[in-house]
């Protein structure tokens, strides 16, 4: 299992927060790009200008990987939680 380092530019943090909020509202990747593009036209914010579905999916992959790593660390430290979780499925 390899280790990856992800660097997110400081100029893209607002874009990532917008993507997370829109995806959490159950908006599709395609709709998120359209909404962010419309916001760019209204706000004239250059940091939101270049947003395509590929970027949105990459942002979500990074967020999911970070969250899975946090869950992994919790389960690794708390074996009782892991056993409780395992006993509820059987």
C-alpha atoms as a PDB file:
ATOM      1  CA  UNK A   1       0.000   0.000   0.000  1.00  0.00           C
ATOM      2  CA  UNK A   2       1.585   3.239  -1.125  1.00  0.00           C
ATOM      3  CA  UNK A   3       1.553   6.601   0.518  1.00  0.00           C
ATOM      4  CA  UNK A   4       0.439   9.618  -1.466  1.00  0.00           C
ATOM      5  CA  UNK A   5       0.983  13.285  -0.761  1.00  0.00           C
ATOM      6  CA  UNK A   6      -1.725  15.631  -1.976  1.00  0.00           C
ATOM      7  CA  UNK A   7      -1.032  19.330  -2.291  1.00  0.00           C
ATOM      8  CA  UNK A   8      -3.977  21.675  -2.542  1.00  0.00           C
ATOM      9  CA  UNK A   9      -3.251  25.206  -3.618  1.00  0.00           C
ATOM     10  CA  UNK A  10      -4.372  27.877  -1.188  1.00  0.00           C
ATOM     11  CA  UNK A  11      -6.255  29.587  -4.010  1.00  0.00           C
ATOM     12  CA  UNK A  12      -8.421  26.465  -4.431  1.00  0.00           C
ATOM     13  CA  UNK A  13      -9.635  26.158  -0.815  1.00  0.00           C
ATOM     14  CA  UNK A  14     -12.864  28.098  -1.435  1.00  0.00           C
ATOM     15  CA  UNK A  15     -13.511  25.960  -4.481  1.00  0.00           C
ATOM     16  CA  UNK A  16     -13.043  22.778  -2.443  1.00  0.00           C
ATOM     17  CA  UNK A  17     -15.372  24.038   0.281  1.00  0.00           C
ATOM     18  CA  UNK A  18     -18.018  24.868  -2.314  1.00  0.00           C
ATOM     19  CA  UNK A  19     -17.678  21.434  -3.913  1.00  0.00           C
ATOM     20  CA  UNK A  20     -18.023  19.718  -0.530  1.00  0.00           C
ATOM     21  CA  UNK A  21     -21.114  21.723   0.380  1.00  0.00           C
ATOM     22  CA  UNK A  22     -22.802  21.158  -2.963  1.00  0.00           C
ATOM     23  CA  UNK A  23     -22.030  17.436  -3.035  1.00  0.00           C
ATOM     24  CA  UNK A  24     -23.340  17.101   0.526  1.00  0.00           C
ATOM     25  CA  UNK A  25     -26.612  18.607  -0.751  1.00  0.00           C
ATOM     26  CA  UNK A  26     -26.800  15.657  -3.191  1.00  0.00           C
ATOM     27  CA  UNK A  27     -26.027  17.661  -6.307  1.00  0.00           C
ATOM     28  CA  UNK A  28     -24.360  15.708  -9.131  1.00  0.00           C
ATOM     29  CA  UNK A  29     -20.781  16.404 -10.210  1.00  0.00           C
ATOM     30  CA  UNK A  30     -22.010  17.903 -13.475  1.00  0.00           C
ATOM     31  CA  UNK A  31     -24.443  20.212 -11.683  1.00  0.00           C
ATOM     32  CA  UNK A  32     -21.721  21.297  -9.241  1.00  0.00           C
ATOM     33  CA  UNK A  33     -19.510  22.420 -12.112  1.00  0.00           C
ATOM     34  CA  UNK A  34     -22.429  24.319 -13.652  1.00  0.00           C
ATOM     35  CA  UNK A  35     -23.328  26.038 -10.380  1.00  0.00           C
ATOM     36  CA  UNK A  36     -19.721  27.028  -9.706  1.00  0.00           C
ATOM     37  CA  UNK A  37     -19.374  28.343 -13.263  1.00  0.00           C
ATOM     38  CA  UNK A  38     -22.507  30.430 -12.782  1.00  0.00           C
ATOM     39  CA  UNK A  39     -21.123  31.741  -9.504  1.00  0.00           C
ATOM     40  CA  UNK A  40     -17.946  32.735 -11.313  1.00  0.00           C
ATOM     41  CA  UNK A  41     -19.920  34.731 -13.850  1.00  0.00           C
ATOM     42  CA  UNK A  42     -21.819  36.559 -11.121  1.00  0.00           C
ATOM     43  CA  UNK A  43     -18.946  37.095  -8.671  1.00  0.00           C
ATOM     44  CA  UNK A  44     -16.058  37.414 -11.158  1.00  0.00           C
ATOM     45  CA  UNK A  45     -13.878  35.360  -8.830  1.00  0.00           C
ATOM     46  CA  UNK A  46     -10.857  33.975 -10.720  1.00  0.00           C
ATOM     47  CA  UNK A  47     -10.273  31.161  -8.211  1.00  0.00           C
ATOM     48  CA  UNK A  48     -13.618  29.596  -9.199  1.00  0.00           C
ATOM     49  CA  UNK A  49     -13.142  30.011 -12.931  1.00  0.00           C
ATOM     50  CA  UNK A  50     -11.571  26.711 -13.910  1.00  0.00           C
ATOM     51  CA  UNK A  51     -13.792  23.975 -12.489  1.00  0.00           C
ATOM     52  CA  UNK A  52     -14.579  20.850 -14.490  1.00  0.00           C
ATOM     53  CA  UNK A  53     -16.108  17.504 -13.503  1.00  0.00           C
ATOM     54  CA  UNK A  54     -12.637  15.962 -13.335  1.00  0.00           C
ATOM     55  CA  UNK A  55     -11.574  18.480 -10.664  1.00  0.00           C
ATOM     56  CA  UNK A  56     -14.772  17.928  -8.693  1.00  0.00           C
ATOM     57  CA  UNK A  57     -14.298  14.156  -8.709  1.00  0.00           C
ATOM     58  CA  UNK A  58     -10.646  14.533  -7.671  1.00  0.00           C
ATOM     59  CA  UNK A  59     -11.619  16.799  -4.763  1.00  0.00           C
ATOM     60  CA  UNK A  60     -14.198  14.248  -3.602  1.00  0.00           C
ATOM     61  CA  UNK A  61     -11.671  11.395  -3.913  1.00  0.00           C
ATOM     62  CA  UNK A  62      -9.236  13.312  -1.710  1.00  0.00           C
ATOM     63  CA  UNK A  63     -11.913  14.048   0.896  1.00  0.00           C
ATOM     64  CA  UNK A  64     -13.071  10.402   0.927  1.00  0.00           C
ATOM     65  CA  UNK A  65      -9.485   9.175   1.275  1.00  0.00           C
ATOM     66  CA  UNK A  66      -8.851  11.522   4.199  1.00  0.00           C
ATOM     67  CA  UNK A  67     -12.047  10.400   5.933  1.00  0.00           C
ATOM     68  CA  UNK A  68     -11.296   6.713   5.364  1.00  0.00           C
ATOM     69  CA  UNK A  69      -7.826   7.228   6.810  1.00  0.00           C
ATOM     70  CA  UNK A  70      -9.380   8.846   9.908  1.00  0.00           C
ATOM     71  CA  UNK A  71     -11.771   5.905  10.315  1.00  0.00           C
ATOM     72  CA  UNK A  72      -8.872   3.489   9.858  1.00  0.00           C
ATOM     73  CA  UNK A  73      -6.879   5.250  12.576  1.00  0.00           C
ATOM     74  CA  UNK A  74      -9.844   5.166  14.961  1.00  0.00           C
ATOM     75  CA  UNK A  75     -10.460   1.464  14.376  1.00  0.00           C
ATOM     76  CA  UNK A  76      -6.767   0.664  14.717  1.00  0.00           C
ATOM     77  CA  UNK A  77      -6.532   2.385  18.109  1.00  0.00           C
ATOM     78  CA  UNK A  78      -9.863   1.247  19.500  1.00  0.00           C
ATOM     79  CA  UNK A  79     -10.105  -2.491  18.960  1.00  0.00           C
ATOM     80  CA  UNK A  80     -13.209  -2.697  21.222  1.00  0.00           C
ATOM     81  CA  UNK A  81     -15.055  -0.457  18.774  1.00  0.00           C
ATOM     82  CA  UNK A  82     -13.995  -2.741  15.977  1.00  0.00           C
ATOM     83  CA  UNK A  83     -15.303  -5.796  17.839  1.00  0.00           C
ATOM     84  CA  UNK A  84     -18.584  -4.065  18.599  1.00  0.00           C
ATOM     85  CA  UNK A  85     -18.950  -3.124  14.976  1.00  0.00           C
ATOM     86  CA  UNK A  86     -18.168  -6.700  13.923  1.00  0.00           C
ATOM     87  CA  UNK A  87     -20.653  -8.231  16.379  1.00  0.00           C
ATOM     88  CA  UNK A  88     -23.511  -6.104  15.090  1.00  0.00           C
ATOM     89  CA  UNK A  89     -23.183  -7.517  11.591  1.00  0.00           C
ATOM     90  CA  UNK A  90     -23.475 -11.186  12.665  1.00  0.00           C
END
